[in-house]
Amino acid sequence: LGHLEESLRTDGLLTPLLVWPSEGRLILLDGFARLKLATKLGIAIRWTEKVLPDRDAAVEFRLKQQLSRRNLPAVAQAYLRGRLYVLAGRCQGKRRDLPAHKSDARLTAAEVAE
């Protein structure tokens, strides 16, 4: 966090935090380290709201944000992909276009691999 803290001291909060408005609250999606340091340093906090339909969409967005990070260790990538897979599987019950005896597990795996 040393480089980030130095950047905040010299330049302030250049990139706003990303929040999801849900049930009258703002849920932080991105910028956890920036929030902690900006609060510590007394820097004014700005944010941008990301409109998402529900909690699952917010979790999916957060997981994909983390997967897009540079220098993410392979074990962390595998963990995040696994979380996305589980989340996608939870949403499968909403599908009505498959016969009851068919499974779309391969579709879920392909979607997560994207």
N, C-alpha and C. Protein backbone atom coordinates (compact mmCIF):
# COMPACT_ATOMS: atom_id res chain seq x y z
N LEU A 1 0.81 -1.20 0.00
CA LEU A 1 0.00 0.00 0.00
C LEU A 1 0.85 1.27 0.00
N GLY A 2 2.15 1.13 0.11
CA GLY A 2 3.04 2.29 0.18
C GLY A 2 2.91 3.21 -1.02
N HIS A 3 2.93 2.64 -2.22
CA HIS A 3 2.82 3.46 -3.43
C HIS A 3 1.45 4.14 -3.51
N LEU A 4 0.41 3.41 -3.16
CA LEU A 4 -0.94 3.97 -3.19
C LEU A 4 -1.06 5.11 -2.17
N GLU A 5 -0.52 4.91 -0.98
CA GLU A 5 -0.59 5.95 0.04
C GLU A 5 0.15 7.20 -0.42
N GLU A 6 1.32 7.02 -1.01
CA GLU A 6 2.09 8.16 -1.51
C GLU A 6 1.32 8.89 -2.62
N SER A 7 0.69 8.14 -3.50
CA SER A 7 -0.10 8.72 -4.59
C SER A 7 -1.28 9.53 -4.04
N LEU A 8 -1.93 8.98 -3.03
CA LEU A 8 -3.06 9.70 -2.41
C LEU A 8 -2.59 10.99 -1.73
N ARG A 9 -1.45 10.92 -1.09
CA ARG A 9 -0.91 12.13 -0.42
C ARG A 9 -0.61 13.22 -1.44
N THR A 10 -0.01 12.83 -2.57
CA THR A 10 0.41 13.85 -3.55
C THR A 10 -0.71 14.29 -4.48
N ASP A 11 -1.51 13.33 -4.95
CA ASP A 11 -2.49 13.64 -5.99
C ASP A 11 -3.94 13.58 -5.53
N GLY A 12 -4.19 13.09 -4.34
CA GLY A 12 -5.56 12.92 -3.89
C GLY A 12 -6.18 11.68 -4.52
N LEU A 13 -7.46 11.55 -4.38
CA LEU A 13 -8.20 10.39 -4.90
C LEU A 13 -8.52 10.64 -6.37
N LEU A 14 -7.69 10.11 -7.26
CA LEU A 14 -7.86 10.35 -8.70
C LEU A 14 -9.01 9.54 -9.29
N THR A 15 -9.16 8.31 -8.83
CA THR A 15 -10.21 7.43 -9.33
C THR A 15 -11.28 7.28 -8.26
N PRO A 16 -12.53 7.62 -8.59
CA PRO A 16 -13.59 7.48 -7.57
C PRO A 16 -13.82 6.02 -7.20
N LEU A 17 -14.31 5.81 -6.00
CA LEU A 17 -14.71 4.48 -5.56
C LEU A 17 -15.94 4.06 -6.36
N LEU A 18 -16.18 2.77 -6.44
CA LEU A 18 -17.34 2.26 -7.17
C LEU A 18 -18.29 1.63 -6.16
N VAL A 19 -19.52 2.14 -6.12
CA VAL A 19 -20.50 1.65 -5.16
C VAL A 19 -21.76 1.18 -5.88
N TRP A 20 -22.48 0.28 -5.21
CA TRP A 20 -23.76 -0.23 -5.71
C TRP A 20 -24.84 0.22 -4.75
N PRO A 21 -25.80 1.05 -5.23
CA PRO A 21 -26.90 1.46 -4.36
C PRO A 21 -27.90 0.32 -4.19
N SER A 22 -28.11 -0.11 -2.95
CA SER A 22 -29.01 -1.22 -2.68
C SER A 22 -29.78 -0.96 -1.39
N GLU A 23 -31.09 -0.96 -1.48
CA GLU A 23 -31.96 -0.81 -0.32
C GLU A 23 -31.59 0.40 0.54
N GLY A 24 -31.33 1.52 -0.11
CA GLY A 24 -31.03 2.75 0.60
C GLY A 24 -29.61 2.87 1.13
N ARG A 25 -28.76 1.89 0.81
CA ARG A 25 -27.36 1.91 1.25
C ARG A 25 -26.45 1.90 0.04
N LEU A 26 -25.21 2.30 0.24
CA LEU A 26 -24.20 2.20 -0.80
C LEU A 26 -23.23 1.08 -0.42
N ILE A 27 -23.16 0.06 -1.26
CA ILE A 27 -22.28 -1.09 -1.03
C ILE A 27 -21.02 -0.90 -1.87
N LEU A 28 -19.86 -0.93 -1.24
CA LEU A 28 -18.60 -0.72 -1.94
C LEU A 28 -18.27 -1.93 -2.81
N LEU A 29 -18.08 -1.69 -4.11
CA LEU A 29 -17.71 -2.75 -5.05
C LEU A 29 -16.22 -2.73 -5.37
N ASP A 30 -15.64 -1.56 -5.46
CA ASP A 30 -14.23 -1.44 -5.84
C ASP A 30 -13.63 -0.21 -5.17
N GLY A 31 -12.44 -0.39 -4.60
CA GLY A 31 -11.74 0.73 -3.98
C GLY A 31 -11.56 0.56 -2.49
N PHE A 32 -11.51 -0.68 -2.02
CA PHE A 32 -11.39 -0.94 -0.58
C PHE A 32 -10.13 -0.33 0.01
N ALA A 33 -8.98 -0.54 -0.65
CA ALA A 33 -7.71 0.01 -0.14
C ALA A 33 -7.72 1.53 -0.22
N ARG A 34 -8.25 2.07 -1.34
CA ARG A 34 -8.31 3.53 -1.47
C ARG A 34 -9.18 4.15 -0.40
N LEU A 35 -10.31 3.52 -0.09
CA LEU A 35 -11.20 4.03 0.96
C LEU A 35 -10.50 4.05 2.31
N LYS A 36 -9.83 2.95 2.64
CA LYS A 36 -9.15 2.86 3.93
C LYS A 36 -8.07 3.94 4.06
N LEU A 37 -7.26 4.09 3.02
CA LEU A 37 -6.18 5.07 3.08
C LEU A 37 -6.69 6.51 3.01
N ALA A 38 -7.68 6.76 2.16
CA ALA A 38 -8.22 8.12 2.06
C ALA A 38 -8.84 8.54 3.38
N THR A 39 -9.52 7.62 4.05
CA THR A 39 -10.11 7.91 5.35
C THR A 39 -9.00 8.21 6.36
N LYS A 40 -7.97 7.39 6.36
CA LYS A 40 -6.82 7.58 7.27
C LYS A 40 -6.15 8.94 7.04
N LEU A 41 -6.04 9.34 5.77
CA LEU A 41 -5.34 10.58 5.44
C LEU A 41 -6.26 11.81 5.43
N GLY A 42 -7.55 11.60 5.67
CA GLY A 42 -8.48 12.72 5.69
C GLY A 42 -8.77 13.30 4.31
N ILE A 43 -8.67 12.47 3.28
CA ILE A 43 -8.91 12.92 1.90
C ILE A 43 -10.39 12.75 1.56
N ALA A 44 -10.95 13.74 0.89
CA ALA A 44 -12.36 13.68 0.49
C ALA A 44 -12.59 12.47 -0.42
N ILE A 45 -13.69 11.79 -0.19
CA ILE A 45 -13.99 10.57 -0.93
C ILE A 45 -15.07 10.86 -1.97
N ARG A 46 -14.77 10.43 -3.20
CA ARG A 46 -15.75 10.53 -4.29
C ARG A 46 -16.10 9.12 -4.71
N TRP A 47 -17.32 8.95 -5.24
CA TRP A 47 -17.71 7.63 -5.71
C TRP A 47 -18.59 7.75 -6.95
N THR A 48 -18.65 6.65 -7.67
CA THR A 48 -19.52 6.49 -8.83
C THR A 48 -20.45 5.34 -8.51
N GLU A 49 -21.73 5.49 -8.86
CA GLU A 49 -22.69 4.42 -8.59
C GLU A 49 -22.81 3.50 -9.79
N LYS A 50 -22.81 2.20 -9.52
CA LYS A 50 -23.00 1.17 -10.54
C LYS A 50 -24.36 0.52 -10.28
N VAL A 51 -25.29 0.68 -11.22
CA VAL A 51 -26.63 0.12 -11.05
C VAL A 51 -26.60 -1.34 -11.48
N LEU A 52 -26.99 -2.21 -10.57
CA LEU A 52 -27.06 -3.65 -10.83
C LEU A 52 -28.40 -4.16 -10.33
N PRO A 53 -28.96 -5.19 -10.97
CA PRO A 53 -30.32 -5.62 -10.62
C PRO A 53 -30.47 -6.28 -9.26
N ASP A 54 -29.43 -7.00 -8.79
CA ASP A 54 -29.57 -7.72 -7.53
C ASP A 54 -28.20 -8.07 -6.95
N ARG A 55 -28.23 -8.73 -5.80
CA ARG A 55 -26.98 -9.08 -5.10
C ARG A 55 -26.11 -10.02 -5.93
N ASP A 56 -26.73 -11.01 -6.59
CA ASP A 56 -25.95 -11.93 -7.41
C ASP A 56 -25.19 -11.19 -8.50
N ALA A 57 -25.84 -10.21 -9.12
CA ALA A 57 -25.18 -9.42 -10.16
C ALA A 57 -24.04 -8.61 -9.57
N ALA A 58 -24.21 -8.11 -8.36
CA ALA A 58 -23.15 -7.35 -7.70
C ALA A 58 -21.97 -8.25 -7.37
N VAL A 59 -22.24 -9.46 -6.88
CA VAL A 59 -21.17 -10.40 -6.56
C VAL A 59 -20.44 -10.80 -7.85
N GLU A 60 -21.20 -11.08 -8.90
CA GLU A 60 -20.58 -11.45 -10.18
C GLU A 60 -19.69 -10.31 -10.69
N PHE A 61 -20.18 -9.09 -10.62
CA PHE A 61 -19.39 -7.94 -11.06
C PHE A 61 -18.09 -7.85 -10.27
N ARG A 62 -18.19 -8.00 -8.95
CA ARG A 62 -17.01 -7.91 -8.08
C ARG A 62 -16.00 -9.00 -8.41
N LEU A 63 -16.48 -10.23 -8.61
CA LEU A 63 -15.58 -11.34 -8.94
C LEU A 63 -14.86 -11.09 -10.27
N LYS A 64 -15.60 -10.60 -11.25
CA LYS A 64 -14.99 -10.32 -12.56
C LYS A 64 -13.99 -9.17 -12.47
N GLN A 65 -14.28 -8.18 -11.62
CA GLN A 65 -13.33 -7.09 -11.41
C GLN A 65 -12.02 -7.64 -10.86
N GLN A 66 -12.12 -8.52 -9.88
CA GLN A 66 -10.93 -9.11 -9.27
C GLN A 66 -10.15 -9.95 -10.28
N LEU A 67 -10.87 -10.70 -11.11
CA LEU A 67 -10.20 -11.52 -12.13
C LEU A 67 -9.45 -10.69 -13.16
N SER A 68 -9.86 -9.45 -13.35
CA SER A 68 -9.22 -8.61 -14.36
C SER A 68 -7.94 -7.95 -13.83
N ARG A 69 -7.62 -8.14 -12.56
CA ARG A 69 -6.42 -7.53 -11.98
C ARG A 69 -5.16 -8.14 -12.59
N ARG A 70 -4.17 -7.27 -12.83
CA ARG A 70 -2.86 -7.77 -13.25
C ARG A 70 -2.18 -8.41 -12.05
N ASN A 71 -1.26 -9.28 -12.31
CA ASN A 71 -0.45 -9.91 -11.28
C ASN A 71 -1.27 -10.71 -10.26
N LEU A 72 -2.44 -11.18 -10.65
CA LEU A 72 -3.26 -11.99 -9.75
C LEU A 72 -2.68 -13.41 -9.74
N PRO A 73 -2.31 -13.93 -8.58
CA PRO A 73 -1.73 -15.28 -8.53
C PRO A 73 -2.69 -16.33 -9.09
N ALA A 74 -2.14 -17.39 -9.65
CA ALA A 74 -2.94 -18.45 -10.27
C ALA A 74 -3.94 -19.05 -9.29
N VAL A 75 -3.53 -19.22 -8.04
CA VAL A 75 -4.44 -19.81 -7.05
C VAL A 75 -5.63 -18.89 -6.80
N ALA A 76 -5.42 -17.58 -6.82
CA ALA A 76 -6.51 -16.62 -6.64
C ALA A 76 -7.42 -16.63 -7.86
N GLN A 77 -6.84 -16.74 -9.06
CA GLN A 77 -7.65 -16.84 -10.28
C GLN A 77 -8.55 -18.06 -10.22
N ALA A 78 -7.99 -19.20 -9.82
CA ALA A 78 -8.77 -20.44 -9.73
C ALA A 78 -9.90 -20.29 -8.72
N TYR A 79 -9.62 -19.69 -7.59
CA TYR A 79 -10.64 -19.48 -6.56
C TYR A 79 -11.78 -18.61 -7.09
N LEU A 80 -11.44 -17.50 -7.73
CA LEU A 80 -12.46 -16.58 -8.24
C LEU A 80 -13.28 -17.24 -9.35
N ARG A 81 -12.63 -18.01 -10.22
CA ARG A 81 -13.39 -18.73 -11.26
C ARG A 81 -14.34 -19.73 -10.62
N GLY A 82 -13.88 -20.39 -9.57
CA GLY A 82 -14.75 -21.33 -8.86
C GLY A 82 -15.96 -20.63 -8.26
N ARG A 83 -15.75 -19.47 -7.68
CA ARG A 83 -16.87 -18.70 -7.12
C ARG A 83 -17.86 -18.30 -8.23
N LEU A 84 -17.32 -17.89 -9.40
CA LEU A 84 -18.19 -17.55 -10.52
C LEU A 84 -18.98 -18.77 -10.98
N TYR A 85 -18.34 -19.92 -11.02
CA TYR A 85 -19.00 -21.15 -11.44
C TYR A 85 -20.16 -21.49 -10.50
N VAL A 86 -19.89 -21.40 -9.21
CA VAL A 86 -20.94 -21.69 -8.22
C VAL A 86 -22.08 -20.69 -8.36
N LEU A 87 -21.75 -19.42 -8.54
CA LEU A 87 -22.77 -18.39 -8.70
C LEU A 87 -23.60 -18.65 -9.95
N ALA A 88 -22.96 -19.01 -11.05
CA ALA A 88 -23.69 -19.30 -12.29
C ALA A 88 -24.59 -20.51 -12.12
N GLY A 89 -24.13 -21.51 -11.37
CA GLY A 89 -24.94 -22.70 -11.12
C GLY A 89 -26.17 -22.39 -10.30
N ARG A 90 -26.03 -21.45 -9.38
CA ARG A 90 -27.17 -21.05 -8.55
C ARG A 90 -28.25 -20.40 -9.40
N CYS A 91 -27.82 -19.72 -10.45
CA CYS A 91 -28.77 -19.01 -11.30
C CYS A 91 -29.41 -19.92 -12.35
N GLN A 92 -28.89 -21.14 -12.52
CA GLN A 92 -29.43 -22.02 -13.55
C GLN A 92 -30.89 -22.35 -13.32
N GLY A 93 -31.30 -22.40 -12.08
CA GLY A 93 -32.69 -22.74 -11.79
C GLY A 93 -33.68 -21.79 -12.41
N LYS A 94 -33.23 -20.61 -12.80
CA LYS A 94 -34.11 -19.62 -13.40
C LYS A 94 -34.40 -19.93 -14.87
N ARG A 95 -33.61 -20.83 -15.48
CA ARG A 95 -33.79 -21.13 -16.91
C ARG A 95 -35.03 -22.00 -17.10
N ARG A 96 -35.77 -21.71 -18.12
CA ARG A 96 -36.98 -22.47 -18.42
C ARG A 96 -36.94 -23.06 -19.83
N ASP A 97 -35.82 -22.90 -20.53
CA ASP A 97 -35.76 -23.31 -21.92
C ASP A 97 -35.19 -24.71 -22.14
N LEU A 98 -34.85 -25.44 -21.06
CA LEU A 98 -34.29 -26.78 -21.19
C LEU A 98 -35.30 -27.81 -20.68
N PRO A 99 -35.38 -28.97 -21.35
CA PRO A 99 -36.22 -30.05 -20.81
C PRO A 99 -35.70 -30.46 -19.44
N ALA A 100 -36.56 -30.99 -18.60
CA ALA A 100 -36.20 -31.32 -17.22
C ALA A 100 -35.05 -32.30 -17.13
N HIS A 101 -34.90 -33.21 -18.11
CA HIS A 101 -33.85 -34.22 -18.04
C HIS A 101 -32.51 -33.75 -18.61
N LYS A 102 -32.44 -32.55 -19.14
CA LYS A 102 -31.20 -32.02 -19.72
C LYS A 102 -30.48 -31.14 -18.69
N SER A 103 -29.17 -31.09 -18.81
CA SER A 103 -28.37 -30.23 -17.95
C SER A 103 -27.58 -29.26 -18.82
N ASP A 104 -27.38 -28.07 -18.34
CA ASP A 104 -26.57 -27.12 -19.10
C ASP A 104 -25.27 -26.81 -18.35
N ALA A 105 -24.72 -27.80 -17.64
CA ALA A 105 -23.48 -27.60 -16.89
C ALA A 105 -22.35 -27.17 -17.80
N ARG A 106 -22.30 -27.69 -19.02
CA ARG A 106 -21.24 -27.29 -19.94
C ARG A 106 -21.39 -25.82 -20.32
N LEU A 107 -22.63 -25.36 -20.46
CA LEU A 107 -22.84 -23.95 -20.75
C LEU A 107 -22.30 -23.09 -19.61
N THR A 108 -22.56 -23.50 -18.40
CA THR A 108 -22.08 -22.75 -17.25
C THR A 108 -20.56 -22.69 -17.25
N ALA A 109 -19.91 -23.82 -17.47
CA ALA A 109 -18.45 -23.86 -17.50
C ALA A 109 -17.91 -22.98 -18.62
N ALA A 110 -18.55 -23.00 -19.77
CA ALA A 110 -18.11 -22.17 -20.90
C ALA A 110 -18.28 -20.70 -20.58
N GLU A 111 -19.40 -20.35 -19.94
CA GLU A 111 -19.64 -18.94 -19.60
C GLU A 111 -18.58 -18.44 -18.62
N VAL A 112 -18.23 -19.27 -17.64
CA VAL A 112 -17.23 -18.86 -16.66
C VAL A 112 -15.86 -18.73 -17.32
N ALA A 113 -15.56 -19.60 -18.29
CA ALA A 113 -14.26 -19.57 -18.96
C ALA A 113 -14.06 -18.30 -19.77
N GLU A 114 -15.16 -17.66 -20.17
CA GLU A 114 -15.04 -16.41 -20.93
C GLU A 114 -14.36 -15.43 -20.08
